[in-house]
Amino acid sequence: MIWKNNTEWLNRQISDWAAKGWISAEAEQNIRQSCRRQGVTGWPALVYTALAIVTCSILGVALIWGAAYVWYHISVALRMALAVVLLVLSQSGVALALFQNRQGTLLGEGVALAQCVAVFVTTAMAGQTFYLGWDTPSYIFTCAVLSLPAAYLLRSVSAVVVYCLALLVWAALGGYINAPGGAAFFWLFVVLPLPMYRLLVQQKDEVRLSVFSWIVTVTVFAAFGLATRNAAYIPFLLLSALAAVIMLTGYSIDIRKSWGVPFRWFGRFAAAASLLISCMPVSWYGVADIQGFHWTTMTILFLLFLLIIALLARGVKTRLWGPVIYSFIPFILLGETLIVRSGLYSSVPLIISAAYMIFLGFYEIMQGVKGGHVNHTRFGTVMLACLMLVFVFATTFSPVVPLVVMAILGLVFFQRRRTASNRKNAELRAARRSRVKHKAATVRREAGEEKSDGGETAPVFESPQETKDAAADADTLAEWMKDIHLPPLEEMTPDPADAGYRPAGTVTPKEAPRSQFVPPVFRSPDAIALPAMKEEGRTQKKADEPRQAERITSSPWQSMAGPAKREKHFSRSPWSQEGDTKK
């Protein structure tokens, strides 16, 4: 259908070009024939590609079966020789990449992947040759650990991805169950790639640093989920502590560089998820029924709480509210766990968790509304929506919990309205105060301020509104008050001559003090006498100076006598008269 629409559009375009004279008739025919051939060969090409993929897959399976059949007929020495050659080639490639400084490049990534493949293949060859009796989880775990050094040597993120995937597959197959330390042994190998973060930060490789951060963060939480599948209870307390540590690590990184985004957001998600789990009564049944926590769990919890306190005290200084609010979640869950383990199980943990969840939701929404961060608003909305779903579908809830939550919601709503009203009143008071200050500054006259020139005051004009009010008041006055008329202001003012003082308009100025300034006398330059020069001093000075030798200013050839004058004697040629004798 898509090809048909494109062909119709192209035919219309070609016809339009030919009608406008942009292409000739011959060119039009050639273009149409070419498009027709492409249309015919489009679908067969897809069919041929699909057939090629299927054929290659069948050939690959046949090759694997053939190699497996031949493998049992190959001697042990030849098997080991092949394994050693493959391992030597992979190690030589790693050494060559190191010598050529190919760390952190595409070539280095390819060499690291080849090294991982070589490790898996040679380990499988050794295991099949000597019948080590390894199961699949043991084989995968061994290959993952052996391929990790290539990631550090070549700064390869692809090798880290291979290691994390192998570790998750090992955990999914239940390999950590038979491990010496159980889940603690598993967590030990989860944190092995973390020092590479410091290496990438020192090299300032931001692309690989971002990929590494996301991969490791996802691996940590996926590993936690796989490790708690078969647990007797949901370890949401451990999850909240781990989430708080990861979130605070992200904030500590963001203080210097903006590379901690995955840690911060995944930490928030996990902390909110652990708090949401604690809102369900089913999650507390396992905590109340177990005999006691394992010592490894207690040790890990203690270390995580120490890390939280250390990161809050030293690492996170410039950002306060976000980290502190989410860092309170493990402490809240720890207090609720102690209440439940003490036999005081009631609706108190559910109410506390639900109330704090509501507070977090509204906090995130307000962060998004005030700061313009849409992701925070979405996150807060999702938190509240998930909490409502828990209320609806968790039928084993105590009936007190929804009532308390609704009461808290109502209090939050009314407090919000009260805060908005108080803020509005404060703004009105501030505006009124600013207007009063403005009027006082512009209308009031400072003490000691003089009147305008001439001593006259500005005339006072009455507004039309004041005149109208006076006329309205005159109609309401009593009759005896209407007969009272005050004299005009000019008649009430006493005569200045009768009062014995001068009018305010006449001012007697004070006599100016005499100046001591004497004006300069300007004379012509010829009338100014020049200072006398002492000629005796000059003569004496010239006499004391040494007499210099006279310079020769004439040429030595100037006084030479000229050349002697010679008399000229004219001689006659014997042939001078030869022509005269001939007639």
Protein backbone atom coordinates (compact mmCIF):
# COMPACT_ATOMS: atom_id res chain seq x y z
CA MET A 1 0.00 0.00 0.00
CA ILE A 2 2.81 2.39 0.87
CA TRP A 3 4.67 1.54 -2.34
CA LYS A 4 1.50 2.10 -4.38
CA ASN A 5 0.93 5.54 -2.89
CA ASN A 6 4.56 6.52 -3.46
CA THR A 7 4.36 5.34 -7.09
CA GLU A 8 1.22 7.36 -7.77
CA TRP A 9 2.76 10.45 -6.26
CA LEU A 10 5.94 9.98 -8.31
CA ASN A 11 3.93 9.53 -11.53
CA ARG A 12 2.11 12.79 -10.87
CA GLN A 13 5.38 14.55 -10.22
CA ILE A 14 6.93 13.23 -13.44
CA SER A 15 3.89 14.32 -15.46
CA ASP A 16 4.05 17.75 -13.84
CA TRP A 17 7.75 18.10 -14.68
CA ALA A 18 7.12 17.09 -18.29
CA ALA A 19 4.20 19.55 -18.61
CA LYS A 20 6.36 22.40 -17.29
CA GLY A 21 9.14 21.50 -19.72
CA TRP A 22 11.69 20.69 -17.04
CA ILE A 23 12.44 17.25 -18.57
CA SER A 24 12.21 15.97 -22.11
CA ALA A 25 9.91 13.21 -23.32
CA GLU A 26 12.79 10.75 -23.56
CA ALA A 27 13.87 11.50 -20.00
CA GLU A 28 10.28 11.05 -18.85
CA GLN A 29 10.12 7.57 -20.41
CA ASN A 30 13.47 6.58 -18.88
CA ILE A 31 12.39 7.69 -15.40
CA ARG A 32 9.10 5.79 -15.66
CA GLN A 33 10.84 2.61 -16.81
CA SER A 34 13.37 2.85 -13.97
CA CYS A 35 10.62 3.34 -11.37
CA ARG A 36 8.66 0.43 -12.87
CA ARG A 37 11.67 -1.87 -12.54
CA GLN A 38 12.20 -0.83 -8.93
CA GLY A 39 8.54 -1.47 -8.15
CA VAL A 40 8.73 -4.95 -9.59
CA THR A 41 11.91 -5.86 -7.74
CA GLY A 42 10.89 -4.38 -4.35
CA TRP A 43 8.88 -7.29 -2.96
CA PRO A 44 11.11 -10.04 -4.37
CA ALA A 45 14.06 -8.37 -2.65
CA LEU A 46 12.29 -8.67 0.71
CA VAL A 47 11.50 -12.31 0.00
CA TYR A 48 15.11 -13.00 -0.94
CA THR A 49 16.31 -11.32 2.26
CA ALA A 50 13.98 -13.43 4.40
CA LEU A 51 15.12 -16.59 2.61
CA ALA A 52 18.76 -15.62 3.16
CA ILE A 53 18.17 -15.13 6.90
CA VAL A 54 16.41 -18.48 7.23
CA THR A 55 19.14 -20.21 5.22
CA CYS A 56 21.90 -18.71 7.37
CA SER A 57 20.09 -19.79 10.53
CA ILE A 58 19.73 -23.36 9.26
CA LEU A 59 23.38 -23.45 8.22
CA GLY A 60 24.42 -22.14 11.65
CA VAL A 61 22.44 -24.82 13.47
CA ALA A 62 23.85 -27.49 11.15
CA LEU A 63 27.36 -26.18 11.76
CA ILE A 64 26.87 -26.34 15.52
CA TRP A 65 25.54 -29.89 15.31
CA GLY A 66 28.39 -30.92 13.06
CA ALA A 67 30.96 -29.36 15.40
CA ALA A 68 29.36 -31.12 18.37
CA TYR A 69 29.48 -34.45 16.51
CA VAL A 70 33.08 -33.96 15.44
CA TRP A 71 34.11 -32.66 18.85
CA TYR A 72 33.73 -36.06 20.49
CA HIS A 73 36.03 -37.60 17.88
CA ILE A 74 38.82 -35.08 18.46
CA SER A 75 41.63 -36.01 20.81
CA VAL A 76 42.15 -34.24 24.10
CA ALA A 77 45.48 -32.79 22.99
CA LEU A 78 43.93 -31.21 19.89
CA ARG A 79 41.09 -29.78 21.96
CA MET A 80 43.46 -28.17 24.41
CA ALA A 81 45.62 -26.90 21.56
CA LEU A 82 42.60 -25.20 19.98
CA ALA A 83 41.59 -23.69 23.31
CA VAL A 84 45.11 -22.42 24.00
CA VAL A 85 45.42 -20.92 20.50
CA LEU A 86 42.09 -19.15 20.84
CA LEU A 87 42.98 -17.82 24.28
CA VAL A 88 46.44 -16.66 23.13
CA LEU A 89 44.93 -14.84 20.16
CA SER A 90 42.42 -13.02 22.36
CA GLN A 91 45.07 -12.07 24.91
CA SER A 92 47.38 -10.87 22.13
CA GLY A 93 44.60 -8.65 20.83
CA VAL A 94 44.13 -7.14 24.29
CA ALA A 95 47.88 -6.53 24.65
CA LEU A 96 48.09 -4.96 21.18
CA ALA A 97 45.17 -2.65 21.98
CA LEU A 98 46.89 -1.62 25.22
CA PHE A 99 50.20 -0.89 23.48
CA GLN A 100 48.45 1.22 20.82
CA ASN A 101 46.43 3.16 23.44
CA ARG A 102 43.09 1.96 22.11
CA GLN A 103 41.36 2.11 25.49
CA GLY A 104 37.95 3.69 25.39
CA THR A 105 37.59 3.47 21.59
CA LEU A 106 35.41 1.44 19.24
CA LEU A 107 38.34 -0.83 18.48
CA GLY A 108 38.85 -1.36 22.20
CA GLU A 109 35.16 -2.25 22.60
CA GLY A 110 35.46 -4.82 19.80
CA VAL A 111 38.60 -6.35 21.31
CA ALA A 112 36.89 -6.56 24.73
CA LEU A 113 33.87 -8.34 23.22
CA ALA A 114 36.20 -10.76 21.40
CA GLN A 115 37.94 -11.43 24.70
CA CYS A 116 34.60 -12.20 26.39
CA VAL A 117 33.62 -14.59 23.58
CA ALA A 118 37.03 -16.29 23.78
CA VAL A 119 36.66 -16.72 27.54
CA PHE A 120 33.22 -18.32 27.20
CA VAL A 121 34.37 -20.62 24.38
CA THR A 122 37.63 -21.76 26.00
CA THR A 123 35.91 -22.34 29.35
CA ALA A 124 33.27 -24.46 27.62
CA MET A 125 35.99 -26.44 25.80
CA ALA A 126 37.85 -27.08 29.04
CA GLY A 127 34.67 -28.06 30.89
CA GLN A 128 33.57 -30.50 28.16
CA THR A 129 37.03 -32.01 27.84
CA PHE A 130 37.73 -32.77 31.47
CA TYR A 131 34.09 -33.24 32.58
CA LEU A 132 34.28 -30.81 35.48
CA GLY A 133 30.65 -31.40 36.36
CA TRP A 134 29.69 -27.75 36.31
CA ASP A 135 26.08 -26.84 35.98
CA THR A 136 24.94 -23.94 33.83
CA PRO A 137 24.88 -21.29 36.62
CA SER A 138 28.43 -22.18 37.69
CA TYR A 139 29.68 -21.99 34.10
CA ILE A 140 28.04 -18.59 33.51
CA PHE A 141 29.33 -17.19 36.79
CA THR A 142 32.90 -18.32 36.09
CA CYS A 143 32.92 -16.84 32.59
CA ALA A 144 31.48 -13.55 33.88
CA VAL A 145 34.20 -13.19 36.50
CA LEU A 146 36.97 -14.07 33.99
CA SER A 147 35.73 -11.51 31.45
CA LEU A 148 35.62 -8.61 33.92
CA PRO A 149 39.39 -7.72 33.78
CA ALA A 150 39.07 -6.89 30.07
CA ALA A 151 36.55 -4.19 30.99
CA TYR A 152 39.03 -2.49 33.32
CA LEU A 153 42.03 -2.86 31.00
CA LEU A 154 40.29 -1.47 27.91
CA ARG A 155 37.72 0.77 29.68
CA SER A 156 35.06 -1.14 27.80
CA VAL A 157 31.39 -0.62 28.61
CA SER A 158 30.40 -3.56 26.39
CA ALA A 159 32.36 -5.93 28.64
CA VAL A 160 30.53 -4.47 31.66
CA VAL A 161 27.21 -5.11 29.90
CA VAL A 162 28.24 -8.74 29.28
CA TYR A 163 29.26 -9.12 32.94
CA CYS A 164 25.99 -7.65 34.26
CA LEU A 165 23.84 -9.79 31.96
CA ALA A 166 25.74 -12.94 32.93
CA LEU A 167 25.36 -12.09 36.61
CA LEU A 168 21.61 -11.55 36.26
CA VAL A 169 21.22 -14.83 34.37
CA TRP A 170 23.18 -16.58 37.12
CA ALA A 171 20.88 -15.07 39.76
CA ALA A 172 17.76 -15.94 37.76
CA LEU A 173 18.90 -19.57 37.56
CA GLY A 174 19.28 -19.64 41.35
CA GLY A 175 23.07 -19.76 41.44
CA TYR A 176 23.36 -17.60 44.55
CA ILE A 177 21.31 -20.08 46.59
CA ASN A 178 24.14 -22.62 46.68
CA ALA A 179 26.83 -19.94 46.97
CA PRO A 180 28.92 -19.78 50.18
CA GLY A 181 27.42 -16.54 51.46
CA GLY A 182 24.05 -16.70 49.76
CA ALA A 183 22.67 -13.29 48.85
CA ALA A 184 25.67 -11.53 50.41
CA PHE A 185 27.97 -13.38 47.99
CA PHE A 186 25.74 -12.22 45.15
CA TRP A 187 25.84 -8.57 46.26
CA LEU A 188 29.62 -8.72 46.54
CA PHE A 189 29.92 -9.49 42.83
CA VAL A 190 27.25 -6.93 41.93
CA VAL A 191 29.44 -4.12 43.29
CA LEU A 192 32.63 -5.33 41.57
CA PRO A 193 32.17 -3.10 38.46
CA LEU A 194 31.56 0.04 40.53
CA PRO A 195 35.25 1.17 40.71
CA MET A 196 35.16 1.58 36.95
CA TYR A 197 32.96 4.64 37.49
CA ARG A 198 35.92 6.42 39.07
CA LEU A 199 38.11 5.42 36.14
CA LEU A 200 35.67 6.85 33.59
CA VAL A 201 35.31 10.06 35.60
CA GLN A 202 39.08 10.56 35.58
CA GLN A 203 39.16 10.05 31.80
CA LYS A 204 36.12 12.39 31.32
CA ASP A 205 34.46 9.90 28.99
CA GLU A 206 30.89 11.16 29.34
CA VAL A 207 29.27 8.81 26.81
CA ARG A 208 30.56 5.62 28.41
CA LEU A 209 29.97 7.12 31.84
CA SER A 210 26.29 7.66 31.09
CA VAL A 211 25.86 4.15 29.65
CA PHE A 212 27.73 2.65 32.61
CA SER A 213 25.54 4.54 35.11
CA TRP A 214 22.28 3.36 33.60
CA ILE A 215 23.46 -0.24 33.16
CA VAL A 216 24.78 -0.59 36.70
CA THR A 217 21.72 1.08 38.27
CA VAL A 218 19.30 -1.18 36.41
CA THR A 219 21.46 -4.19 37.28
CA VAL A 220 21.41 -3.37 41.00
CA PHE A 221 17.63 -3.14 41.23
CA ALA A 222 17.09 -6.13 38.94
CA ALA A 223 19.49 -8.13 41.11
CA PHE A 224 17.58 -7.07 44.20
CA GLY A 225 14.34 -8.28 42.65
CA LEU A 226 15.88 -11.61 41.65
CA ALA A 227 17.48 -12.10 45.05
CA THR A 228 14.21 -11.56 46.90
CA ARG A 229 12.08 -13.89 44.79
CA ASN A 230 12.37 -16.81 47.15
CA ALA A 231 12.54 -14.80 50.38
CA ALA A 232 10.08 -15.48 53.19
CA TYR A 233 9.10 -11.81 53.29
CA ILE A 234 9.40 -8.71 51.11
CA PRO A 235 12.58 -6.89 52.20
CA PHE A 236 11.25 -3.40 51.51
CA LEU A 237 13.35 -2.01 54.39
CA LEU A 238 16.53 -3.19 52.67
CA LEU A 239 15.22 -1.84 49.36
CA SER A 240 14.54 1.59 50.84
CA ALA A 241 18.01 1.80 52.40
CA LEU A 242 19.66 0.74 49.15
CA ALA A 243 17.54 3.27 47.22
CA ALA A 244 18.48 6.07 49.60
CA VAL A 245 22.19 5.29 49.24
CA ILE A 246 21.96 5.26 45.44
CA MET A 247 19.95 8.49 45.39
CA LEU A 248 22.38 10.29 47.70
CA THR A 249 25.27 9.04 45.58
CA GLY A 250 23.62 10.63 42.56
CA TYR A 251 23.19 13.93 44.41
CA SER A 252 26.84 13.83 45.51
CA ILE A 253 27.90 13.35 41.90
CA ASP A 254 25.63 16.14 40.63
CA ILE A 255 27.29 18.63 42.97
CA ARG A 256 30.41 18.38 40.79
CA LYS A 257 29.17 17.11 37.42
CA SER A 258 25.72 16.33 36.04
CA TRP A 259 26.37 12.58 35.75
CA GLY A 260 24.21 11.35 38.64
CA VAL A 261 20.80 11.55 36.95
CA PRO A 262 20.25 7.75 36.73
CA PHE A 263 21.23 7.27 40.37
CA ARG A 264 18.94 10.04 41.58
CA TRP A 265 15.84 9.01 39.66
CA PHE A 266 16.20 5.26 40.18
CA GLY A 267 16.81 5.93 43.86
CA ARG A 268 13.61 7.96 44.06
CA PHE A 269 11.62 5.30 42.23
CA ALA A 270 12.90 2.52 44.49
CA ALA A 271 12.35 4.52 47.70
CA ALA A 272 8.79 5.40 46.68
CA ALA A 273 8.15 1.77 45.68
CA SER A 274 9.35 0.49 49.06
CA LEU A 275 7.08 2.98 50.82
CA LEU A 276 4.17 1.93 48.61
CA ILE A 277 4.80 -1.75 49.46
CA SER A 278 4.69 -0.89 53.16
CA CYS A 279 1.19 0.56 52.64
CA MET A 280 -0.16 -2.97 52.00
CA PRO A 281 -0.97 -5.16 55.01
CA VAL A 282 0.17 -8.32 53.18
CA SER A 283 3.75 -7.10 53.16
CA TRP A 284 3.82 -6.98 56.97
CA TYR A 285 2.62 -10.55 57.48
CA GLY A 286 5.97 -12.03 56.50
CA VAL A 287 7.87 -9.55 58.68
CA ALA A 288 5.72 -10.51 61.67
CA ASP A 289 5.90 -14.28 61.06
CA ILE A 290 9.65 -14.83 60.54
CA GLN A 291 11.72 -16.02 63.46
CA GLY A 292 14.50 -13.47 62.97
CA PHE A 293 16.54 -11.65 60.38
CA HIS A 294 19.69 -13.22 58.97
CA TRP A 295 22.98 -11.80 60.19
CA THR A 296 24.00 -10.86 56.64
CA THR A 297 20.82 -8.82 56.26
CA MET A 298 21.48 -7.04 59.54
CA THR A 299 25.08 -6.30 58.52
CA ILE A 300 24.09 -4.93 55.13
CA LEU A 301 21.38 -2.78 56.71
CA PHE A 302 23.83 -1.38 59.24
CA LEU A 303 26.35 -0.51 56.52
CA LEU A 304 23.68 1.10 54.36
CA PHE A 305 22.44 3.28 57.21
CA LEU A 306 26.01 4.37 57.92
CA LEU A 307 26.42 5.29 54.26
CA ILE A 308 23.19 7.31 54.35
CA ILE A 309 24.36 9.32 57.34
CA ALA A 310 27.82 9.85 55.84
CA LEU A 311 26.45 11.00 52.48
CA LEU A 312 24.01 13.38 54.15
CA ALA A 313 26.72 14.82 56.39
CA ARG A 314 29.53 15.19 53.87
CA GLY A 315 28.43 14.57 50.30
CA VAL A 316 25.09 16.36 50.05
CA LYS A 317 25.45 19.95 51.22
CA THR A 318 24.00 22.25 48.57
CA ARG A 319 20.71 20.37 48.12
CA LEU A 320 18.69 19.71 51.24
CA TRP A 321 14.98 19.05 50.96
CA GLY A 322 14.87 16.45 48.20
CA PRO A 323 17.58 14.15 49.64
CA VAL A 324 16.44 14.55 53.24
CA ILE A 325 12.78 13.81 52.52
CA TYR A 326 13.58 10.59 50.67
CA SER A 327 16.31 9.64 53.15
CA PHE A 328 13.68 9.59 55.92
CA ILE A 329 11.92 6.64 54.27
CA PRO A 330 14.30 3.88 55.52
CA PHE A 331 14.20 5.34 59.04
CA ILE A 332 10.39 5.40 58.97
CA LEU A 333 10.27 1.80 57.76
CA LEU A 334 12.81 0.81 60.42
CA GLY A 335 10.57 2.25 63.14
CA GLU A 336 7.52 0.51 61.68
CA THR A 337 9.44 -2.79 61.52
CA LEU A 338 10.40 -2.48 65.18
CA ILE A 339 6.74 -1.85 66.06
CA VAL A 340 5.60 -4.94 64.14
CA ARG A 341 8.40 -7.15 65.50
CA SER A 342 7.49 -6.06 69.04
CA GLY A 343 4.02 -7.56 68.66
CA LEU A 344 2.25 -4.19 68.41
CA TYR A 345 0.95 -4.82 64.92
CA SER A 346 -1.94 -2.52 64.11
CA SER A 347 -2.92 0.04 61.51
CA VAL A 348 -0.28 2.50 62.72
CA PRO A 349 2.41 1.46 60.16
CA LEU A 350 -0.14 1.59 57.36
CA ILE A 351 -1.36 5.05 58.37
CA ILE A 352 2.18 6.44 58.69
CA SER A 353 3.28 5.03 55.34
CA ALA A 354 0.15 6.23 53.55
CA ALA A 355 0.40 9.72 55.05
CA TYR A 356 4.06 10.04 54.10
CA MET A 357 3.28 8.75 50.62
CA ILE A 358 0.65 11.47 50.21
CA PHE A 359 3.12 14.06 51.44
CA LEU A 360 5.72 12.89 48.91
CA GLY A 361 3.18 12.99 46.08
CA PHE A 362 2.11 16.55 46.84
CA TYR A 363 5.72 17.58 47.37
CA GLU A 364 6.71 16.33 43.92
CA ILE A 365 3.69 18.01 42.32
CA MET A 366 4.52 21.33 43.97
CA GLN A 367 8.14 20.99 42.88
CA GLY A 368 6.97 20.59 39.31
CA VAL A 369 4.43 23.42 39.44
CA LYS A 370 6.70 25.98 41.09
CA GLY A 371 9.97 25.09 39.41
CA GLY A 372 8.57 24.22 36.00
CA HIS A 373 9.85 20.61 36.12
CA VAL A 374 7.27 18.47 34.35
CA ASN A 375 8.92 15.18 35.35
CA HIS A 376 8.43 15.93 39.05
CA THR A 377 4.75 16.66 38.47
CA ARG A 378 4.28 13.40 36.59
CA PHE A 379 6.14 11.46 39.26
CA GLY A 380 3.99 12.91 42.05
CA THR A 381 0.80 12.20 40.10
CA VAL A 382 1.86 8.59 39.51
CA MET A 383 2.63 8.17 43.21
CA LEU A 384 -0.82 9.37 44.26
CA ALA A 385 -2.51 7.28 41.56
CA CYS A 386 -0.67 4.13 42.70
CA LEU A 387 -1.66 4.84 46.28
CA MET A 388 -5.32 5.14 45.26
CA LEU A 389 -5.06 1.83 43.37
CA VAL A 390 -3.64 0.21 46.49
CA PHE A 391 -6.59 1.52 48.48
CA VAL A 392 -9.04 0.13 45.95
CA PHE A 393 -7.56 -3.32 45.31
CA ALA A 394 -6.06 -4.07 48.74
CA THR A 395 -9.28 -5.30 50.33
CA THR A 396 -7.55 -6.45 53.51
CA PHE A 397 -6.92 -2.84 54.53
CA SER A 398 -8.16 -1.70 57.84
CA PRO A 399 -11.17 0.62 57.38
CA VAL A 400 -9.42 3.20 59.53
CA VAL A 401 -6.69 3.77 56.94
CA PRO A 402 -8.85 5.29 54.15
CA LEU A 403 -10.61 7.51 56.68
CA VAL A 404 -7.34 8.77 58.09
CA VAL A 405 -5.95 9.31 54.61
CA MET A 406 -9.05 11.27 53.57
CA ALA A 407 -8.78 13.36 56.71
CA ILE A 408 -5.15 14.08 55.93
CA LEU A 409 -6.07 15.01 52.37
CA GLY A 410 -8.73 17.39 53.66
CA LEU A 411 -6.30 18.99 56.08
CA VAL A 412 -3.76 19.40 53.31
CA PHE A 413 -6.40 21.01 51.07
CA PHE A 414 -7.59 23.45 53.72
CA GLN A 415 -4.05 24.27 54.74
CA ARG A 416 -3.26 24.97 51.13
CA ARG A 417 -6.22 27.36 50.84
CA ARG A 418 -5.27 29.03 54.11
CA THR A 419 -1.71 29.51 52.95
CA ALA A 420 -2.90 31.00 49.67
CA SER A 421 -5.26 33.37 51.53
CA ASN A 422 -2.52 34.47 53.92
CA ARG A 423 -0.18 35.04 51.03
CA LYS A 424 -2.79 37.13 49.23
CA ASN A 425 -3.42 39.23 52.34
CA ALA A 426 0.30 39.75 52.80
CA GLU A 427 0.62 40.94 49.23
CA LEU A 428 -2.27 43.39 49.72
CA ARG A 429 -0.70 44.75 52.91
CA ALA A 430 2.64 45.15 51.18
CA ALA A 431 1.00 46.98 48.26
CA ARG A 432 -0.93 49.27 50.62
CA ARG A 433 2.22 49.99 52.61
CA SER A 434 4.11 50.88 49.45
CA ARG A 435 1.32 53.28 48.36
CA VAL A 436 1.30 55.04 51.76
CA LYS A 437 5.06 55.51 51.64
CA HIS A 438 4.79 56.93 48.15
CA LYS A 439 2.17 59.50 49.14
CA ALA A 440 4.13 60.60 52.22
CA ALA A 441 7.23 61.08 50.14
CA THR A 442 5.52 63.19 47.47
CA VAL A 443 2.99 65.27 49.45
CA ARG A 444 4.56 66.10 52.80
CA ARG A 445 6.83 69.13 53.02
CA GLU A 446 10.10 68.78 54.81
CA ALA A 447 10.72 70.93 57.89
CA GLY A 448 12.49 74.21 57.06
CA GLU A 449 11.64 74.03 53.36
CA GLU A 450 11.26 77.53 51.96
CA LYS A 451 8.36 78.71 49.91
CA SER A 452 8.56 79.49 46.25
CA ASP A 453 10.11 82.69 44.88
CA GLY A 454 8.27 85.84 45.88
CA GLY A 455 6.92 84.34 49.09
CA GLU A 456 3.64 83.40 47.46
CA THR A 457 1.98 80.11 48.20
CA ALA A 458 0.47 77.95 45.53
CA PRO A 459 -3.29 78.44 45.17
CA VAL A 460 -5.50 75.71 46.53
CA PHE A 461 -8.04 74.45 44.02
CA GLU A 462 -11.11 72.60 45.03
CA SER A 463 -12.06 69.59 42.99
CA PRO A 464 -15.53 69.41 41.44
CA GLN A 465 -16.36 66.55 43.76
CA GLU A 466 -15.61 68.68 46.84
CA THR A 467 -17.73 71.55 45.46
CA LYS A 468 -20.57 69.17 44.79
CA ASP A 469 -20.33 67.74 48.32
CA ALA A 470 -20.44 71.27 49.79
CA ALA A 471 -23.56 72.15 47.81
CA ALA A 472 -25.23 68.93 48.95
CA ASP A 473 -24.35 69.70 52.58
CA ALA A 474 -25.82 73.22 52.25
CA ASP A 475 -29.23 71.77 51.46
CA THR A 476 -29.19 69.69 54.63
CA LEU A 477 -28.19 72.54 56.99
CA ALA A 478 -30.61 74.09 59.46
CA GLU A 479 -32.27 77.42 58.69
CA TRP A 480 -30.45 79.37 61.41
CA MET A 481 -27.12 78.11 60.06
CA LYS A 482 -27.84 79.26 56.55
CA ASP A 483 -28.04 82.95 57.69
CA ILE A 484 -24.48 82.84 59.01
CA HIS A 485 -22.04 84.19 56.45
CA LEU A 486 -18.33 84.45 57.05
CA PRO A 487 -16.53 87.48 55.62
CA PRO A 488 -14.16 86.94 52.77
CA LEU A 489 -10.57 86.01 53.48
CA GLU A 490 -9.28 89.41 52.32
CA GLU A 491 -11.42 91.20 54.92
CA MET A 492 -10.27 88.88 57.71
CA THR A 493 -6.61 89.52 56.93
CA PRO A 494 -5.33 92.58 58.94
CA ASP A 495 -3.66 95.51 57.20
CA PRO A 496 0.12 95.24 57.48
CA ALA A 497 0.45 99.00 58.14
CA ASP A 498 -2.00 98.83 61.04
CA ALA A 499 -0.39 95.74 62.47
CA GLY A 500 2.99 97.44 62.69
CA TYR A 501 5.04 95.07 60.59
CA ARG A 502 6.24 95.11 57.05
CA PRO A 503 4.54 92.99 54.46
CA ALA A 504 6.08 89.64 53.81
CA GLY A 505 6.78 90.57 50.22
CA THR A 506 9.38 93.30 51.02
CA VAL A 507 12.76 91.92 52.01
CA THR A 508 15.73 94.16 52.89
CA PRO A 509 18.88 92.51 51.57
CA LYS A 510 22.03 92.55 53.66
CA GLU A 511 25.05 94.51 52.59
CA ALA A 512 27.56 92.35 50.82
CA PRO A 513 30.99 92.23 52.53
CA ARG A 514 33.81 94.04 50.83
CA SER A 515 36.10 91.87 48.82
CA GLN A 516 39.87 92.00 49.27
CA PHE A 517 40.48 90.99 45.68
CA VAL A 518 42.83 93.28 43.72
CA PRO A 519 42.46 93.04 39.95
CA PRO A 520 45.69 92.41 38.06
CA VAL A 521 47.30 95.14 35.91
CA PHE A 522 47.89 94.13 32.31
CA ARG A 523 50.74 95.88 30.43
CA SER A 524 52.15 95.63 26.91
CA PRO A 525 55.16 93.33 26.39
CA ASP A 526 57.47 96.24 25.46
CA ALA A 527 56.86 97.95 28.77
CA ILE A 528 58.01 94.92 30.77
CA ALA A 529 61.67 95.23 31.78
CA LEU A 530 63.80 92.17 31.15
CA PRO A 531 66.19 90.97 33.87
CA ALA A 532 69.79 92.17 33.45
CA MET A 533 72.34 89.59 32.32
CA LYS A 534 75.84 89.54 33.86
CA GLU A 535 78.26 89.89 30.93
CA GLU A 536 81.33 89.52 33.13
CA GLY A 537 80.37 86.05 34.12
CA ARG A 538 79.91 85.02 30.52
CA THR A 539 83.26 86.54 29.45
CA GLN A 540 85.07 84.85 32.29
CA LYS A 541 83.42 81.55 31.42
CA LYS A 542 84.49 81.85 27.79
CA ALA A 543 88.03 82.72 28.82
CA ASP A 544 88.25 79.68 31.05
CA GLU A 545 87.21 77.31 28.28
CA PRO A 546 90.14 75.62 26.43
CA ARG A 547 90.91 76.97 22.96
CA GLN A 548 90.23 74.49 20.22
CA ALA A 549 92.42 74.08 17.18
CA GLU A 550 91.24 75.80 14.01
CA ARG A 551 89.82 73.55 11.43
CA ILE A 552 91.14 73.44 7.89
CA THR A 553 88.37 74.44 5.58
CA SER A 554 90.30 74.90 2.29
CA SER A 555 91.43 72.38 -0.35
CA PRO A 556 95.16 71.76 -0.95
CA TRP A 557 94.62 72.13 -4.72
CA GLN A 558 93.04 75.53 -4.30
CA SER A 559 96.42 77.38 -4.13
CA MET A 560 98.10 75.53 -7.02
CA ALA A 561 99.15 77.56 -10.13
CA GLY A 562 97.42 76.98 -13.39
CA PRO A 563 99.09 75.30 -16.38
CA ALA A 564 101.60 77.37 -18.46
CA LYS A 565 100.27 79.00 -21.59
CA ARG A 566 101.74 77.75 -24.87
CA GLU A 567 101.95 79.71 -28.09
CA LYS A 568 100.24 78.27 -31.08
CA HIS A 569 102.30 78.01 -34.32
CA PHE A 570 100.24 77.29 -37.39
CA SER A 571 101.97 75.17 -40.12
CA ARG A 572 100.96 74.98 -43.68
CA SER A 573 100.48 71.74 -45.52
CA PRO A 574 102.47 71.14 -48.69
CA TRP A 575 99.32 70.15 -50.42
CA SER A 576 97.29 73.16 -49.39
CA GLN A 577 98.20 75.07 -52.62
CA GLU A 578 98.03 72.10 -54.94
CA GLY A 579 94.76 73.03 -56.45
CA ASP A 580 95.65 76.60 -57.19
CA THR A 581 98.37 75.79 -59.83
CA LYS A 582 96.20 73.57 -61.86
CA LYS A 583 94.20 75.28 -64.53
